[in-house]
Structures are given as C-alpha cells and as structure tokens.
Amino acid sequence: MSWTATTGYFAEHWLEIGGLAATLMGIWLTTKRLLICWPVTLLADFIYLVVFYQARLLSDALLQVFFIVFTLYGWWHWWRGVREEGEVRVEPLPLRGWIAGLTAGAVGSVLLGWLMVHAGAALPRLDATLASYSLVASWWQARKHIANWWLWIVVDLAYIGEYLYKNLLPTALLYAVLVLLAVLGLLDWRRASAAPQIAA
C-alpha cells in the first residue's frame, strides 16, 4: 500500500481507528483491574456509537447506548469497592447467575432480532444475538464476575467474522486483539481471585 493510499485510509477511517485505540486501552486497563479503565471505555463507547450507526449495524449502535449506561454503572460500582476495600475484588458468579445471564441473552437476541429485521438493519439476527450477549458480558464485568471474560471470548470471536463481512477491517482487527486481551483478563482475574485463598 502506497503512502498516499495509507494516509487516505487513515483520513477516511480516523474515527474507527480512534475507537480501536480507546477500546484496546480500556480493555487492557480492565484486565489490570484499574479504575481508570472506565472513563477510557466511555470514550470508546461514544466513538463506536457513531461508527456502527454509520455502518447501519443498528443493534451494535444501540448496544453502545447500553454500554454507556453499564460503563457509568461499572465505574461507580468499582469506585465504591475500591473506596471500601482498597482494591477491585473479583466476585464469583453462582450457577443461577450463569443461567439467568444466558437466558436473558437468548431472550434479548430474539426480541432485538425481530426489531432489527423490521428496522432494516444489516445482519439483523446475528448482530442482535451478539449485541444481546455483549450486554450480559458487560453486566458481569461491571459486577466484577470473572465469567465475563469467558463470554467475551465467544462473542468477540463471532464479531470478527461479522466485521470482516461488513468490511470493517480495523474493527475486525480490534476484535481479534480483544480476544487475546480477554484471555489475558481471564488469567489475570483468576490469579487475583485465587490470591486471597493462597494467603489464607
């Protein structure tokens, strides 16, 4: 790719690339359980709200609105935990939490898919399913459940295919990196979860 083509691509996709950078930074900070992850993630949420709306991925655009709400909640919930306990502690997810979350994701997939078919969205059912389970993963993340990383790995792998199909190459690349970061987050949070037991 020539220098002119490269600069032209960056000029055309600067917002998507900015969202990519903010998202990567936010997720990396989340794997480290650092409170600053939330304002960085909030910036990424707003950027991708615009990117997905322009690409007519309406479920993903709507998802960003929910992400903004969850990000604000997660920021508050983690801040409260740090204030009371001095650190962000990983919380276990009971079996009923798994069942409730996965059921909510399935119901959300059907309802949002129906809505998006009628709205004329691109890939309405697939996008709705991924958006619905992303909400579940975001809720689990805000509640500091390690299970969020398992769900993010599955959802992000599926998103890679969707974004390649829609020719959103920087975003597909982003989600490939997000899979790796989710694995790192899983390992990091498992170590953090096991640490008190080892100390005891």
Protein backbone atom coordinates (compact mmCIF):
# COMPACT_ATOMS: atom_id res chain seq x y z
CA MET A 1 0.00 0.00 0.00
CA SER A 2 1.42 3.36 -1.01
CA TRP A 3 1.93 6.25 1.40
CA THR A 4 -0.88 8.18 -0.29
CA ALA A 5 -3.27 5.24 0.00
CA THR A 6 -2.28 4.70 3.64
CA THR A 7 -2.82 8.33 4.61
CA GLY A 8 -6.06 8.36 2.65
CA TYR A 9 -7.29 5.29 4.52
CA PHE A 10 -6.41 6.84 7.89
CA ALA A 11 -8.11 10.09 6.88
CA GLU A 12 -11.28 8.21 5.89
CA HIS A 13 -11.35 5.88 8.90
CA TRP A 14 -9.86 8.12 11.61
CA LEU A 15 -12.89 7.79 13.89
CA GLU A 16 -12.94 3.99 13.71
CA ILE A 17 -9.18 3.87 14.35
CA GLY A 18 -9.62 6.21 17.34
CA GLY A 19 -12.32 3.88 18.69
CA LEU A 20 -9.99 0.94 18.19
CA ALA A 21 -7.23 2.62 20.21
CA ALA A 22 -9.56 3.70 23.03
CA THR A 23 -11.16 0.26 23.24
CA LEU A 24 -7.83 -1.55 23.40
CA MET A 25 -6.59 0.76 26.14
CA GLY A 26 -9.84 0.42 28.10
CA ILE A 27 -9.86 -3.38 27.95
CA TRP A 28 -6.17 -3.64 28.85
CA LEU A 29 -6.76 -1.40 31.89
CA THR A 30 -9.75 -3.57 32.80
CA THR A 31 -7.61 -6.72 32.76
CA LYS A 32 -5.37 -4.97 35.30
CA ARG A 33 -8.42 -4.03 37.42
CA LEU A 34 -7.53 -0.31 37.27
CA LEU A 35 -10.35 2.16 37.89
CA ILE A 36 -9.22 4.43 35.02
CA CYS A 37 -10.46 1.74 32.61
CA TRP A 38 -13.98 3.17 32.86
CA PRO A 39 -13.50 6.74 31.51
CA VAL A 40 -11.35 5.36 28.68
CA THR A 41 -14.05 2.79 27.90
CA LEU A 42 -16.70 5.52 27.99
CA LEU A 43 -14.84 7.41 25.24
CA ALA A 44 -14.70 4.23 23.13
CA ASP A 45 -18.45 3.67 23.65
CA PHE A 46 -19.30 7.10 22.24
CA ILE A 47 -16.96 6.69 19.26
CA TYR A 48 -18.35 3.30 18.27
CA LEU A 49 -21.92 4.55 18.66
CA VAL A 50 -21.19 6.80 15.68
CA VAL A 51 -19.16 4.20 13.72
CA PHE A 52 -21.81 1.49 13.95
CA TYR A 53 -24.67 3.87 13.17
CA GLN A 54 -22.88 4.96 10.01
CA ALA A 55 -22.38 1.28 9.03
CA ARG A 56 -26.12 0.58 9.63
CA LEU A 57 -25.24 -2.03 12.28
CA LEU A 58 -28.14 -0.74 14.32
CA SER A 59 -28.02 -3.40 17.03
CA ASP A 60 -24.38 -2.53 17.65
CA ALA A 61 -25.19 1.18 17.67
CA LEU A 62 -27.99 0.60 20.18
CA LEU A 63 -25.62 -1.63 22.14
CA GLN A 64 -23.28 1.32 22.61
CA VAL A 65 -26.07 3.23 24.35
CA PHE A 66 -26.40 0.38 26.85
CA PHE A 67 -22.61 0.19 27.11
CA ILE A 68 -22.56 3.84 28.11
CA VAL A 69 -25.05 3.12 30.91
CA PHE A 70 -23.15 -0.01 32.02
CA THR A 71 -19.84 1.84 31.84
CA LEU A 72 -21.14 4.56 34.14
CA TYR A 73 -22.54 1.91 36.50
CA GLY A 74 -19.33 -0.13 36.41
CA TRP A 75 -17.27 2.98 37.09
CA TRP A 76 -19.42 3.75 40.17
CA HIS A 77 -19.52 0.11 41.38
CA TRP A 78 -15.75 -0.39 41.08
CA TRP A 79 -15.06 3.02 42.67
CA ARG A 80 -17.27 2.10 45.63
CA GLY A 81 -15.42 -1.22 46.01
CA VAL A 82 -12.02 0.49 45.91
CA ARG A 83 -13.17 3.04 48.48
CA GLU A 84 -14.47 0.35 50.85
CA GLU A 85 -11.94 -2.44 50.29
CA GLY A 86 -8.87 -0.65 48.91
CA GLU A 87 -8.87 -2.67 45.66
CA VAL A 88 -11.12 -4.12 42.96
CA ARG A 89 -12.05 -7.61 44.15
CA VAL A 90 -13.20 -10.35 41.74
CA GLU A 91 -16.63 -11.75 42.65
CA PRO A 92 -17.74 -15.36 41.95
CA LEU A 93 -20.79 -15.93 39.72
CA PRO A 94 -23.19 -18.54 41.14
CA LEU A 95 -24.90 -21.09 38.89
CA ARG A 96 -28.20 -19.19 38.99
CA GLY A 97 -26.29 -16.13 37.74
CA TRP A 98 -24.98 -18.11 34.76
CA ILE A 99 -28.48 -19.42 33.97
CA ALA A 100 -30.12 -16.00 34.36
CA GLY A 101 -27.48 -14.27 32.23
CA LEU A 102 -27.52 -16.78 29.38
CA THR A 103 -31.33 -16.89 29.39
CA ALA A 104 -31.54 -13.09 29.30
CA GLY A 105 -29.10 -13.12 26.38
CA ALA A 106 -31.26 -15.59 24.46
CA VAL A 107 -34.49 -13.65 25.07
CA GLY A 108 -32.77 -10.40 24.13
CA SER A 109 -31.47 -12.00 20.92
CA VAL A 110 -34.99 -12.93 19.78
CA LEU A 111 -36.61 -9.60 20.70
CA LEU A 112 -33.83 -7.40 19.35
CA GLY A 113 -33.51 -9.56 16.23
CA TRP A 114 -37.21 -9.11 15.47
CA LEU A 115 -36.90 -5.36 15.97
CA MET A 116 -33.80 -5.09 13.77
CA VAL A 117 -35.37 -7.11 10.93
CA HIS A 118 -38.18 -4.56 10.82
CA ALA A 119 -35.73 -1.66 11.10
CA GLY A 120 -33.84 -2.86 8.01
CA ALA A 121 -30.55 -3.37 9.85
CA ALA A 122 -27.61 -5.23 8.30
CA LEU A 123 -27.26 -8.84 9.58
CA PRO A 124 -30.18 -8.24 11.97
CA ARG A 125 -30.35 -11.60 13.79
CA LEU A 126 -26.62 -12.25 14.12
CA ASP A 127 -25.93 -8.68 15.17
CA ALA A 128 -28.81 -8.78 17.67
CA THR A 129 -27.55 -12.02 19.22
CA LEU A 130 -24.03 -10.68 19.62
CA ALA A 131 -25.33 -7.39 20.99
CA SER A 132 -27.58 -9.16 23.49
CA TYR A 133 -24.83 -11.38 24.86
CA SER A 134 -22.45 -8.42 24.91
CA LEU A 135 -24.86 -6.77 27.34
CA VAL A 136 -24.71 -9.85 29.56
CA ALA A 137 -20.90 -9.82 29.45
CA SER A 138 -20.86 -6.09 30.24
CA TRP A 139 -23.15 -6.59 33.23
CA TRP A 140 -20.95 -9.39 34.53
CA GLN A 141 -17.88 -7.20 34.02
CA ALA A 142 -19.45 -4.28 35.89
CA ARG A 143 -20.30 -6.70 38.72
CA LYS A 144 -16.66 -7.97 38.71
CA HIS A 145 -17.58 -11.56 37.76
CA ILE A 146 -14.72 -13.48 36.15
CA ALA A 147 -17.28 -15.19 33.88
CA ASN A 148 -17.42 -12.01 31.80
CA TRP A 149 -14.12 -12.96 30.14
CA TRP A 150 -15.38 -16.39 29.02
CA LEU A 151 -18.42 -14.81 27.39
CA TRP A 152 -16.38 -12.01 25.79
CA ILE A 153 -14.06 -14.58 24.17
CA VAL A 154 -17.00 -16.33 22.47
CA VAL A 155 -18.79 -13.12 21.46
CA ASP A 156 -15.64 -11.40 20.15
CA LEU A 157 -14.69 -14.40 18.00
CA ALA A 158 -18.12 -14.22 16.34
CA TYR A 159 -17.82 -10.44 15.91
CA ILE A 160 -14.58 -10.88 13.94
CA GLY A 161 -16.49 -12.72 11.22
CA GLU A 162 -19.29 -10.16 11.18
CA TYR A 163 -16.94 -7.21 10.81
CA LEU A 164 -14.88 -8.91 8.10
CA TYR A 165 -18.13 -9.49 6.20
CA LYS A 166 -19.07 -5.80 6.61
CA ASN A 167 -15.56 -4.73 5.51
CA LEU A 168 -14.86 -3.01 8.84
CA LEU A 169 -11.26 -4.20 8.80
CA PRO A 170 -9.86 -2.07 11.66
CA THR A 171 -12.76 -3.19 13.85
CA ALA A 172 -12.25 -6.85 12.90
CA LEU A 173 -8.59 -6.44 13.84
CA LEU A 174 -9.65 -4.78 17.08
CA TYR A 175 -11.86 -7.74 17.99
CA ALA A 176 -9.07 -10.21 17.24
CA VAL A 177 -6.93 -8.31 19.74
CA LEU A 178 -9.88 -8.19 22.16
CA VAL A 179 -9.99 -11.99 22.14
CA LEU A 180 -6.35 -12.04 23.23
CA LEU A 181 -6.99 -9.37 25.87
CA ALA A 182 -10.00 -11.33 27.14
CA VAL A 183 -7.76 -14.37 27.58
CA LEU A 184 -5.24 -12.21 29.47
CA GLY A 185 -8.07 -10.75 31.56
CA LEU A 186 -9.32 -14.23 32.37
CA LEU A 187 -5.87 -15.33 33.52
CA ASP A 188 -5.26 -12.12 35.47
CA TRP A 189 -8.61 -12.22 37.25
CA ARG A 190 -8.22 -15.91 38.05
CA ARG A 191 -4.89 -15.15 39.71
CA ALA A 192 -6.47 -12.26 41.61
CA SER A 193 -9.36 -14.46 42.67
CA ALA A 194 -7.04 -17.21 43.89
CA ALA A 195 -4.65 -14.86 45.74
CA PRO A 196 -6.71 -14.47 48.98
CA GLN A 197 -7.16 -18.24 49.19
CA ILE A 198 -3.42 -18.76 48.84
CA ALA A 199 -2.74 -16.14 51.50
CA ALA A 200 -5.18 -17.89 53.81
